[in-house]
Amino acid sequence: MKCIICKTGETRSGTASIVLERGGTTLLIRDVPGEICDTCGEVYHGAETTERLLDQAERAYRDGVDLEVRHYQKAA
């Protein structure tokens, strides 16, 4: 797909690291699958991936995590 940010690049399948922060909790999740622009590097995630990321972030926030680094894991 054409990148909506730079409007010139095309996206390709790949992985990226995502940092999510909320109220003193920082969660770094590595190897998150997505579509990445080959020109500007913008990362796009599908609805299922986004939902899993937000669920993991909410759990970390509720558990009182200050800083945590994880690798993305697909649903079992």
PDB file of N, CA and C in Angstrom:
ATOM      1  N   MET A   1       0.842  -1.177   0.000  1.00  0.00           N
ATOM      2  CA  MET A   1       0.000   0.000   0.000  1.00  0.00           C
ATOM      3  C   MET A   1       0.884   1.236   0.000  1.00  0.00           C
ATOM      4  N   LYS A   2       0.366   2.329  -0.484  1.00  0.00           N
ATOM      5  CA  LYS A   2       1.083   3.603  -0.508  1.00  0.00           C
ATOM      6  C   LYS A   2       1.053   4.213   0.890  1.00  0.00           C
ATOM      7  N   CYS A   3       2.186   4.711   1.360  1.00  0.00           N
ATOM      8  CA  CYS A   3       2.293   5.321   2.684  1.00  0.00           C
ATOM      9  C   CYS A   3       1.461   6.611   2.737  1.00  0.00           C
ATOM     10  N   ILE A   4       0.630   6.732   3.755  1.00  0.00           N
ATOM     11  CA  ILE A   4      -0.193   7.942   3.872  1.00  0.00           C
ATOM     12  C   ILE A   4       0.572   9.104   4.517  1.00  0.00           C
ATOM     13  N   ILE A   5       1.740   8.834   5.078  1.00  0.00           N
ATOM     14  CA  ILE A   5       2.542   9.892   5.705  1.00  0.00           C
ATOM     15  C   ILE A   5       3.398  10.612   4.665  1.00  0.00           C
ATOM     16  N   CYS A   6       4.280   9.869   3.985  1.00  0.00           N
ATOM     17  CA  CYS A   6       5.177  10.508   3.013  1.00  0.00           C
ATOM     18  C   CYS A   6       4.587  10.561   1.609  1.00  0.00           C
ATOM     19  N   LYS A   7       3.586   9.749   1.357  1.00  0.00           N
ATOM     20  CA  LYS A   7       2.867   9.692   0.080  1.00  0.00           C
ATOM     21  C   LYS A   7       3.712   9.233  -1.109  1.00  0.00           C
ATOM     22  N   THR A   8       4.951   8.781  -0.852  1.00  0.00           N
ATOM     23  CA  THR A   8       5.772   8.289  -1.957  1.00  0.00           C
ATOM     24  C   THR A   8       6.213   6.841  -1.768  1.00  0.00           C
ATOM     25  N   GLY A   9       6.359   6.422  -0.526  1.00  0.00           N
ATOM     26  CA  GLY A   9       6.848   5.076  -0.243  1.00  0.00           C
ATOM     27  C   GLY A   9       5.769   4.015  -0.349  1.00  0.00           C
ATOM     28  N   GLU A  10       6.234   2.783  -0.479  1.00  0.00           N
ATOM     29  CA  GLU A  10       5.352   1.610  -0.463  1.00  0.00           C
ATOM     30  C   GLU A  10       5.653   0.825   0.809  1.00  0.00           C
ATOM     31  N   THR A  11       4.638   0.212   1.383  1.00  0.00           N
ATOM     32  CA  THR A  11       4.859  -0.561   2.601  1.00  0.00           C
ATOM     33  C   THR A  11       5.222  -1.997   2.266  1.00  0.00           C
ATOM     34  N   ARG A  12       6.032  -2.566   3.146  1.00  0.00           N
ATOM     35  CA  ARG A  12       6.471  -3.957   3.026  1.00  0.00           C
ATOM     36  C   ARG A  12       6.314  -4.618   4.400  1.00  0.00           C
ATOM     37  N   SER A  13       6.082  -5.910   4.394  1.00  0.00           N
ATOM     38  CA  SER A  13       5.985  -6.648   5.653  1.00  0.00           C
ATOM     39  C   SER A  13       7.319  -6.612   6.380  1.00  0.00           C
ATOM     40  N   GLY A  14       7.248  -6.475   7.694  1.00  0.00           N
ATOM     41  CA  GLY A  14       8.457  -6.464   8.505  1.00  0.00           C
ATOM     42  C   GLY A  14       8.085  -6.459   9.981  1.00  0.00           C
ATOM     43  N   THR A  15       9.067  -6.174  10.815  1.00  0.00           N
ATOM     44  CA  THR A  15       8.824  -6.066  12.255  1.00  0.00           C
ATOM     45  C   THR A  15       9.438  -4.765  12.768  1.00  0.00           C
ATOM     46  N   ALA A  16       8.890  -4.296  13.884  1.00  0.00           N
ATOM     47  CA  ALA A  16       9.372  -3.054  14.487  1.00  0.00           C
ATOM     48  C   ALA A  16       9.251  -3.157  15.998  1.00  0.00           C
ATOM     49  N   SER A  17       9.970  -2.296  16.691  1.00  0.00           N
ATOM     50  CA  SER A  17       9.835  -2.172  18.144  1.00  0.00           C
ATOM     51  C   SER A  17       8.851  -1.047  18.429  1.00  0.00           C
ATOM     52  N   ILE A  18       7.976  -1.284  19.406  1.00  0.00           N
ATOM     53  CA  ILE A  18       6.947  -0.315  19.761  1.00  0.00           C
ATOM     54  C   ILE A  18       7.112   0.054  21.222  1.00  0.00           C
ATOM     55  N   VAL A  19       7.078   1.344  21.527  1.00  0.00           N
ATOM     56  CA  VAL A  19       7.146   1.823  22.906  1.00  0.00           C
ATOM     57  C   VAL A  19       5.778   2.406  23.258  1.00  0.00           C
ATOM     58  N   LEU A  20       5.206   1.898  24.357  1.00  0.00           N
ATOM     59  CA  LEU A  20       3.928   2.398  24.853  1.00  0.00           C
ATOM     60  C   LEU A  20       4.146   2.936  26.258  1.00  0.00           C
ATOM     61  N   GLU A  21       3.630   4.148  26.532  1.00  0.00           N
ATOM     62  CA  GLU A  21       3.803   4.772  27.842  1.00  0.00           C
ATOM     63  C   GLU A  21       2.459   5.241  28.375  1.00  0.00           C
ATOM     64  N   ARG A  22       2.307   5.070  29.696  1.00  0.00           N
ATOM     65  CA  ARG A  22       1.085   5.550  30.356  1.00  0.00           C
ATOM     66  C   ARG A  22       1.352   5.645  31.857  1.00  0.00           C
ATOM     67  N   GLY A  23       1.127   6.804  32.418  1.00  0.00           N
ATOM     68  CA  GLY A  23       1.178   6.995  33.859  1.00  0.00           C
ATOM     69  C   GLY A  23       2.389   6.410  34.556  1.00  0.00           C
ATOM     70  N   GLY A  24       3.563   6.593  34.036  1.00  0.00           N
ATOM     71  CA  GLY A  24       4.766   6.072  34.664  1.00  0.00           C
ATOM     72  C   GLY A  24       5.145   4.659  34.244  1.00  0.00           C
ATOM     73  N   THR A  25       4.311   4.014  33.442  1.00  0.00           N
ATOM     74  CA  THR A  25       4.622   2.681  32.914  1.00  0.00           C
ATOM     75  C   THR A  25       5.139   2.826  31.493  1.00  0.00           C
ATOM     76  N   THR A  26       6.288   2.207  31.219  1.00  0.00           N
ATOM     77  CA  THR A  26       6.847   2.185  29.866  1.00  0.00           C
ATOM     78  C   THR A  26       7.016   0.734  29.467  1.00  0.00           C
ATOM     79  N   LEU A  27       6.447   0.386  28.320  1.00  0.00           N
ATOM     80  CA  LEU A  27       6.500  -0.976  27.807  1.00  0.00           C
ATOM     81  C   LEU A  27       7.113  -0.943  26.414  1.00  0.00           C
ATOM     82  N   LEU A  28       8.221  -1.665  26.240  1.00  0.00           N
ATOM     83  CA  LEU A  28       8.868  -1.808  24.933  1.00  0.00           C
ATOM     84  C   LEU A  28       8.580  -3.217  24.436  1.00  0.00           C
ATOM     85  N   ILE A  29       7.957  -3.304  23.282  1.00  0.00           N
ATOM     86  CA  ILE A  29       7.656  -4.611  22.700  1.00  0.00           C
ATOM     87  C   ILE A  29       8.411  -4.707  21.379  1.00  0.00           C
ATOM     88  N   ARG A  30       9.248  -5.732  21.280  1.00  0.00           N
ATOM     89  CA  ARG A  30      10.094  -5.921  20.091  1.00  0.00           C
ATOM     90  C   ARG A  30       9.478  -6.930  19.132  1.00  0.00           C
ATOM     91  N   ASP A  31       9.906  -6.856  17.896  1.00  0.00           N
ATOM     92  CA  ASP A  31       9.515  -7.811  16.848  1.00  0.00           C
ATOM     93  C   ASP A  31       8.012  -7.820  16.586  1.00  0.00           C
ATOM     94  N   VAL A  32       7.395  -6.640  16.596  1.00  0.00           N
ATOM     95  CA  VAL A  32       5.965  -6.531  16.324  1.00  0.00           C
ATOM     96  C   VAL A  32       5.759  -6.523  14.809  1.00  0.00           C
ATOM     97  N   PRO A  33       4.938  -7.444  14.288  1.00  0.00           N
ATOM     98  CA  PRO A  33       4.726  -7.499  12.837  1.00  0.00           C
ATOM     99  C   PRO A  33       3.890  -6.316  12.355  1.00  0.00           C
ATOM    100  N   GLY A  34       4.213  -5.873  11.169  1.00  0.00           N
ATOM    101  CA  GLY A  34       3.445  -4.773  10.581  1.00  0.00           C
ATOM    102  C   GLY A  34       3.884  -4.516   9.155  1.00  0.00           C
ATOM    103  N   GLU A  35       3.349  -3.447   8.616  1.00  0.00           N
ATOM    104  CA  GLU A  35       3.731  -2.973   7.296  1.00  0.00           C
ATOM    105  C   GLU A  35       4.563  -1.719   7.498  1.00  0.00           C
ATOM    106  N   ILE A  36       5.757  -1.684   6.893  1.00  0.00           N
ATOM    107  CA  ILE A  36       6.698  -0.590   7.125  1.00  0.00           C
ATOM    108  C   ILE A  36       7.011   0.104   5.812  1.00  0.00           C
ATOM    109  N   CYS A  37       6.914   1.441   5.823  1.00  0.00           N
ATOM    110  CA  CYS A  37       7.184   2.226   4.614  1.00  0.00           C
ATOM    111  C   CYS A  37       8.668   2.133   4.263  1.00  0.00           C
ATOM    112  N   ASP A  38       8.942   1.836   3.001  1.00  0.00           N
ATOM    113  CA  ASP A  38      10.334   1.708   2.565  1.00  0.00           C
ATOM    114  C   ASP A  38      11.025   3.056   2.347  1.00  0.00           C
ATOM    115  N   THR A  39      10.283   4.151   2.469  1.00  0.00           N
ATOM    116  CA  THR A  39      10.878   5.469   2.309  1.00  0.00           C
ATOM    117  C   THR A  39      11.062   6.185   3.643  1.00  0.00           C
ATOM    118  N   CYS A  40       9.978   6.307   4.423  1.00  0.00           N
ATOM    119  CA  CYS A  40      10.060   7.094   5.665  1.00  0.00           C
ATOM    120  C   CYS A  40      10.090   6.247   6.935  1.00  0.00           C
ATOM    121  N   GLY A  41       9.807   4.939   6.833  1.00  0.00           N
ATOM    122  CA  GLY A  41       9.871   4.065   7.993  1.00  0.00           C
ATOM    123  C   GLY A  41       8.615   4.031   8.845  1.00  0.00           C
ATOM    124  N   GLU A  42       7.556   4.730   8.430  1.00  0.00           N
ATOM    125  CA  GLU A  42       6.295   4.692   9.183  1.00  0.00           C
ATOM    126  C   GLU A  42       5.817   3.245   9.281  1.00  0.00           C
ATOM    127  N   VAL A  43       5.298   2.865  10.466  1.00  0.00           N
ATOM    128  CA  VAL A  43       4.864   1.492  10.711  1.00  0.00           C
ATOM    129  C   VAL A  43       3.342   1.459  10.852  1.00  0.00           C
ATOM    130  N   TYR A  44       2.727   0.502  10.181  1.00  0.00           N
ATOM    131  CA  TYR A  44       1.275   0.310  10.247  1.00  0.00           C
ATOM    132  C   TYR A  44       1.007  -1.079  10.808  1.00  0.00           C
ATOM    133  N   HIS A  45       0.052  -1.149  11.765  1.00  0.00           N
ATOM    134  CA  HIS A  45      -0.320  -2.427  12.367  1.00  0.00           C
ATOM    135  C   HIS A  45      -1.791  -2.697  12.101  1.00  0.00           C
ATOM    136  N   GLY A  46      -2.116  -3.967  11.939  1.00  0.00           N
ATOM    137  CA  GLY A  46      -3.502  -4.368  11.755  1.00  0.00           C
ATOM    138  C   GLY A  46      -4.264  -4.290  13.070  1.00  0.00           C
ATOM    139  N   ALA A  47      -5.577  -4.432  12.985  1.00  0.00           N
ATOM    140  CA  ALA A  47      -6.457  -4.324  14.154  1.00  0.00           C
ATOM    141  C   ALA A  47      -6.142  -5.379  15.210  1.00  0.00           C
ATOM    142  N   GLU A  48      -5.889  -6.610  14.801  1.00  0.00           N
ATOM    143  CA  GLU A  48      -5.606  -7.685  15.758  1.00  0.00           C
ATOM    144  C   GLU A  48      -4.304  -7.419  16.515  1.00  0.00           C
ATOM    145  N   THR A  49      -3.277  -7.004  15.801  1.00  0.00           N
ATOM    146  CA  THR A  49      -1.990  -6.700  16.429  1.00  0.00           C
ATOM    147  C   THR A  49      -2.134  -5.527  17.392  1.00  0.00           C
ATOM    148  N   THR A  50      -2.835  -4.491  16.965  1.00  0.00           N
ATOM    149  CA  THR A  50      -3.042  -3.319  17.811  1.00  0.00           C
ATOM    150  C   THR A  50      -3.787  -3.698  19.089  1.00  0.00           C
ATOM    151  N   GLU A  51      -4.801  -4.519  18.962  1.00  0.00           N
ATOM    152  CA  GLU A  51      -5.560  -4.957  20.137  1.00  0.00           C
ATOM    153  C   GLU A  51      -4.674  -5.719  21.114  1.00  0.00           C
ATOM    154  N   ARG A  52      -3.808  -6.610  20.610  1.00  0.00           N
ATOM    155  CA  ARG A  52      -2.892  -7.367  21.481  1.00  0.00           C
ATOM    156  C   ARG A  52      -1.902  -6.426  22.172  1.00  0.00           C
ATOM    157  N   LEU A  53      -1.383  -5.446  21.443  1.00  0.00           N
ATOM    158  CA  LEU A  53      -0.448  -4.488  22.034  1.00  0.00           C
ATOM    159  C   LEU A  53      -1.112  -3.702  23.166  1.00  0.00           C
ATOM    160  N   LEU A  54      -2.312  -3.223  22.932  1.00  0.00           N
ATOM    161  CA  LEU A  54      -3.012  -2.441  23.948  1.00  0.00           C
ATOM    162  C   LEU A  54      -3.386  -3.289  25.158  1.00  0.00           C
ATOM    163  N   ASP A  55      -3.741  -4.555  24.938  1.00  0.00           N
ATOM    164  CA  ASP A  55      -4.038  -5.461  26.055  1.00  0.00           C
ATOM    165  C   ASP A  55      -2.790  -5.672  26.914  1.00  0.00           C
ATOM    166  N   GLN A  56      -1.650  -5.893  26.273  1.00  0.00           N
ATOM    167  CA  GLN A  56      -0.410  -6.092  27.019  1.00  0.00           C
ATOM    168  C   GLN A  56      -0.033  -4.836  27.800  1.00  0.00           C
ATOM    169  N   ALA A  57      -0.226  -3.681  27.188  1.00  0.00           N
ATOM    170  CA  ALA A  57       0.092  -2.415  27.859  1.00  0.00           C
ATOM    171  C   ALA A  57      -0.828  -2.187  29.048  1.00  0.00           C
ATOM    172  N   GLU A  58      -2.100  -2.475  28.902  1.00  0.00           N
ATOM    173  CA  GLU A  58      -3.054  -2.298  30.003  1.00  0.00           C
ATOM    174  C   GLU A  58      -2.700  -3.215  31.175  1.00  0.00           C
ATOM    175  N   ARG A  59      -2.337  -4.457  30.871  1.00  0.00           N
ATOM    176  CA  ARG A  59      -1.952  -5.409  31.908  1.00  0.00           C
ATOM    177  C   ARG A  59      -0.712  -4.917  32.668  1.00  0.00           C
ATOM    178  N   ALA A  60       0.283  -4.434  31.932  1.00  0.00           N
ATOM    179  CA  ALA A  60       1.505  -3.923  32.559  1.00  0.00           C
ATOM    180  C   ALA A  60       1.187  -2.721  33.447  1.00  0.00           C
ATOM    181  N   TYR A  61       0.311  -1.841  32.983  1.00  0.00           N
ATOM    182  CA  TYR A  61      -0.069  -0.660  33.767  1.00  0.00           C
ATOM    183  C   TYR A  61      -0.776  -1.078  35.058  1.00  0.00           C
ATOM    184  N   ARG A  62      -1.720  -2.009  34.953  1.00  0.00           N
ATOM    185  CA  ARG A  62      -2.453  -2.480  36.136  1.00  0.00           C
ATOM    186  C   ARG A  62      -1.535  -3.177  37.133  1.00  0.00           C
ATOM    187  N   ASP A  63      -0.493  -3.860  36.618  1.00  0.00           N
ATOM    188  CA  ASP A  63       0.439  -4.581  37.482  1.00  0.00           C
ATOM    189  C   ASP A  63       1.487  -3.661  38.115  1.00  0.00           C
ATOM    190  N   GLY A  64       1.466  -2.384  37.763  1.00  0.00           N
ATOM    191  CA  GLY A  64       2.392  -1.424  38.358  1.00  0.00           C
ATOM    192  C   GLY A  64       3.803  -1.486  37.797  1.00  0.00           C
ATOM    193  N   VAL A  65       3.947  -1.973  36.586  1.00  0.00           N
ATOM    194  CA  VAL A  65       5.265  -2.069  35.946  1.00  0.00           C
ATOM    195  C   VAL A  65       5.807  -0.665  35.688  1.00  0.00           C
ATOM    196  N   ASP A  66       7.081  -0.451  36.003  1.00  0.00           N
ATOM    197  CA  ASP A  66       7.746   0.810  35.664  1.00  0.00           C
ATOM    198  C   ASP A  66       8.317   0.744  34.255  1.00  0.00           C
ATOM    199  N   LEU A  67       9.103  -0.307  33.984  1.00  0.00           N
ATOM    200  CA  LEU A  67       9.735  -0.487  32.683  1.00  0.00           C
ATOM    201  C   LEU A  67       9.811  -1.974  32.389  1.00  0.00           C
ATOM    202  N   GLU A  68       9.372  -2.356  31.198  1.00  0.00           N
ATOM    203  CA  GLU A  68       9.430  -3.766  30.831  1.00  0.00           C
ATOM    204  C   GLU A  68       9.733  -3.878  29.337  1.00  0.00           C
ATOM    205  N   VAL A  69      10.544  -4.879  28.983  1.00  0.00           N
ATOM    206  CA  VAL A  69      10.879  -5.159  27.593  1.00  0.00           C
ATOM    207  C   VAL A  69      10.391  -6.571  27.286  1.00  0.00           C
ATOM    208  N   ARG A  70       9.617  -6.700  26.216  1.00  0.00           N
ATOM    209  CA  ARG A  70       9.067  -8.011  25.806  1.00  0.00           C
ATOM    210  C   ARG A  70       9.263  -8.199  24.317  1.00  0.00           C
ATOM    211  N   HIS A  71       9.146  -9.447  23.895  1.00  0.00           N
ATOM    212  CA  HIS A  71       9.044  -9.769  22.471  1.00  0.00           C
ATOM    213  C   HIS A  71       7.583 -10.040  22.182  1.00  0.00           C
ATOM    214  N   TYR A  72       7.121  -9.575  21.045  1.00  0.00           N
ATOM    215  CA  TYR A  72       5.732  -9.769  20.645  1.00  0.00           C
ATOM    216  C   TYR A  72       5.462 -11.271  20.490  1.00  0.00           C
ATOM    217  N   GLN A  73       4.331 -11.701  21.013  1.00  0.00           N
ATOM    218  CA  GLN A  73       3.926 -13.091  20.868  1.00  0.00           C
ATOM    219  C   GLN A  73       2.539 -13.133  20.265  1.00  0.00           C
ATOM    220  N   LYS A  74       2.398 -13.892  19.207  1.00  0.00           N
ATOM    221  CA  LYS A  74       1.094 -14.048  18.578  1.00  0.00           C
ATOM    222  C   LYS A  74       0.178 -14.829  19.503  1.00  0.00           C
ATOM    223  N   ALA A  75      -1.102 -14.662  19.306  1.00  0.00           N
ATOM    224  CA  ALA A  75      -2.102 -15.374  20.113  1.00  0.00           C
ATOM    225  C   ALA A  75      -1.911 -16.875  19.938  1.00  0.00           C
ATOM    226  N   ALA A  76      -2.114 -17.609  21.024  1.00  0.00           N
ATOM    227  CA  ALA A  76      -1.949 -19.071  20.993  1.00  0.00           C
ATOM    228  C   ALA A  76      -3.098 -19.736  20.286  1.00  0.00           C
TER     229      ALA A  76
END
